[in-house]
Amino acid sequence: LTVTIRALLQKLKEKIALLKDLLLRAVATHQITQLEGDRRQNLLDDLVTRERLLLASFKNEGAEPDLIRSLGF
């Protein structure tokens, strides 16, 4: 189970990095407006925060149920 969780957290990290790159490219090439870019950046920031909380709770190995619930899981 631990190996699976680590692999999934790594996949999540990679996909977030890909999203960041794609967002920067979309804004730079004017495929989306700056306002839409800002909106998506806010969503991405929220995703990064959730990913960090998941990683921290996994490292503590006794993830608080309240923390998991607050993330919407």
C-alpha atoms as a PDB file:
ATOM      1  CA  LEU A   1       0.000   0.000   0.000  1.00  0.00           C
ATOM      2  CA  THR A   2       2.835   2.377   0.868  1.00  0.00           C
ATOM      3  CA  VAL A   3       4.530   1.774  -2.478  1.00  0.00           C
ATOM      4  CA  THR A   4       1.272   2.457  -4.317  1.00  0.00           C
ATOM      5  CA  ILE A   5       0.685   5.689  -2.415  1.00  0.00           C
ATOM      6  CA  ARG A   6       4.230   6.883  -3.115  1.00  0.00           C
ATOM      7  CA  ALA A   7       3.846   6.105  -6.814  1.00  0.00           C
ATOM      8  CA  LEU A   8       0.526   7.916  -7.008  1.00  0.00           C
ATOM      9  CA  LEU A   9       1.911  10.954  -5.177  1.00  0.00           C
ATOM     10  CA  GLN A  10       4.818  11.039  -7.630  1.00  0.00           C
ATOM     11  CA  LYS A  11       2.406  10.833 -10.572  1.00  0.00           C
ATOM     12  CA  LEU A  12       0.399  13.684  -9.081  1.00  0.00           C
ATOM     13  CA  LYS A  13       3.543  15.788  -8.738  1.00  0.00           C
ATOM     14  CA  GLU A  14       4.488  15.123 -12.366  1.00  0.00           C
ATOM     15  CA  LYS A  15       1.011  15.962 -13.638  1.00  0.00           C
ATOM     16  CA  ILE A  16       0.972  19.212 -11.657  1.00  0.00           C
ATOM     17  CA  ALA A  17       4.324  20.163 -13.190  1.00  0.00           C
ATOM     18  CA  LEU A  18       2.922  19.419 -16.646  1.00  0.00           C
ATOM     19  CA  LEU A  19      -0.135  21.564 -15.945  1.00  0.00           C
ATOM     20  CA  LYS A  20       2.117  24.438 -14.850  1.00  0.00           C
ATOM     21  CA  ASP A  21       4.121  24.205 -18.068  1.00  0.00           C
ATOM     22  CA  LEU A  22       1.020  24.032 -20.238  1.00  0.00           C
ATOM     23  CA  LEU A  23      -0.539  26.990 -18.435  1.00  0.00           C
ATOM     24  CA  LEU A  24       2.562  29.133 -18.853  1.00  0.00           C
ATOM     25  CA  ARG A  25       2.707  28.247 -22.542  1.00  0.00           C
ATOM     26  CA  ALA A  26      -0.995  28.996 -23.058  1.00  0.00           C
ATOM     27  CA  VAL A  27      -0.661  32.440 -21.463  1.00  0.00           C
ATOM     28  CA  ALA A  28       2.592  33.247 -23.287  1.00  0.00           C
ATOM     29  CA  THR A  29       1.146  32.347 -26.685  1.00  0.00           C
ATOM     30  CA  HIS A  30      -2.153  34.148 -25.966  1.00  0.00           C
ATOM     31  CA  GLN A  31      -4.193  30.967 -26.319  1.00  0.00           C
ATOM     32  CA  ILE A  32      -6.043  32.130 -23.214  1.00  0.00           C
ATOM     33  CA  THR A  33      -6.503  35.585 -21.719  1.00  0.00           C
ATOM     34  CA  GLN A  34      -4.440  36.783 -18.798  1.00  0.00           C
ATOM     35  CA  LEU A  35      -7.576  36.797 -16.655  1.00  0.00           C
ATOM     36  CA  GLU A  36      -8.258  33.149 -17.510  1.00  0.00           C
ATOM     37  CA  GLY A  37      -4.589  32.381 -16.880  1.00  0.00           C
ATOM     38  CA  ASP A  38      -4.849  33.948 -13.433  1.00  0.00           C
ATOM     39  CA  ARG A  39      -8.001  31.954 -12.674  1.00  0.00           C
ATOM     40  CA  ARG A  40      -6.320  28.729 -13.689  1.00  0.00           C
ATOM     41  CA  GLN A  41      -3.182  29.631 -11.732  1.00  0.00           C
ATOM     42  CA  ASN A  42      -5.318  30.018  -8.606  1.00  0.00           C
ATOM     43  CA  LEU A  43      -6.799  26.566  -9.202  1.00  0.00           C
ATOM     44  CA  LEU A  44      -3.304  25.170  -9.714  1.00  0.00           C
ATOM     45  CA  ASP A  45      -2.101  26.797  -6.491  1.00  0.00           C
ATOM     46  CA  ASP A  46      -4.972  25.123  -4.626  1.00  0.00           C
ATOM     47  CA  LEU A  47      -4.004  21.796  -6.169  1.00  0.00           C
ATOM     48  CA  VAL A  48      -0.372  22.243  -5.104  1.00  0.00           C
ATOM     49  CA  THR A  49      -1.502  23.022  -1.557  1.00  0.00           C
ATOM     50  CA  ARG A  50      -3.613  19.859  -1.452  1.00  0.00           C
ATOM     51  CA  GLU A  51      -0.741  17.815  -2.842  1.00  0.00           C
ATOM     52  CA  ARG A  52       1.603  19.145  -0.142  1.00  0.00           C
ATOM     53  CA  LEU A  53      -0.936  18.365   2.586  1.00  0.00           C
ATOM     54  CA  LEU A  54      -1.362  14.837   1.256  1.00  0.00           C
ATOM     55  CA  LEU A  55       2.398  14.347   1.163  1.00  0.00           C
ATOM     56  CA  ALA A  56       2.793  15.692   4.694  1.00  0.00           C
ATOM     57  CA  SER A  57       0.005  13.507   6.045  1.00  0.00           C
ATOM     58  CA  PHE A  58       1.489  10.469   4.299  1.00  0.00           C
ATOM     59  CA  LYS A  59       4.916  11.160   5.789  1.00  0.00           C
ATOM     60  CA  ASN A  60       3.334  11.383   9.244  1.00  0.00           C
ATOM     61  CA  GLU A  61       1.764   7.960   8.594  1.00  0.00           C
ATOM     62  CA  GLY A  62      -1.197   8.669  10.774  1.00  0.00           C
ATOM     63  CA  ALA A  63      -3.030  11.104   8.617  1.00  0.00           C
ATOM     64  CA  GLU A  64      -5.586  12.923  10.657  1.00  0.00           C
ATOM     65  CA  PRO A  65      -9.070  11.994   9.432  1.00  0.00           C
ATOM     66  CA  ASP A  66     -10.154  15.615   9.863  1.00  0.00           C
ATOM     67  CA  LEU A  67      -7.354  16.782   7.573  1.00  0.00           C
ATOM     68  CA  ILE A  68      -8.321  14.272   4.909  1.00  0.00           C
ATOM     69  CA  ARG A  69     -11.978  15.291   5.171  1.00  0.00           C
ATOM     70  CA  SER A  70     -11.062  18.977   4.945  1.00  0.00           C
ATOM     71  CA  LEU A  71      -9.327  18.259   1.631  1.00  0.00           C
ATOM     72  CA  GLY A  72     -12.542  16.839   0.279  1.00  0.00           C
ATOM     73  CA  PHE A  73     -11.444  13.206   0.174  1.00  0.00           C
END
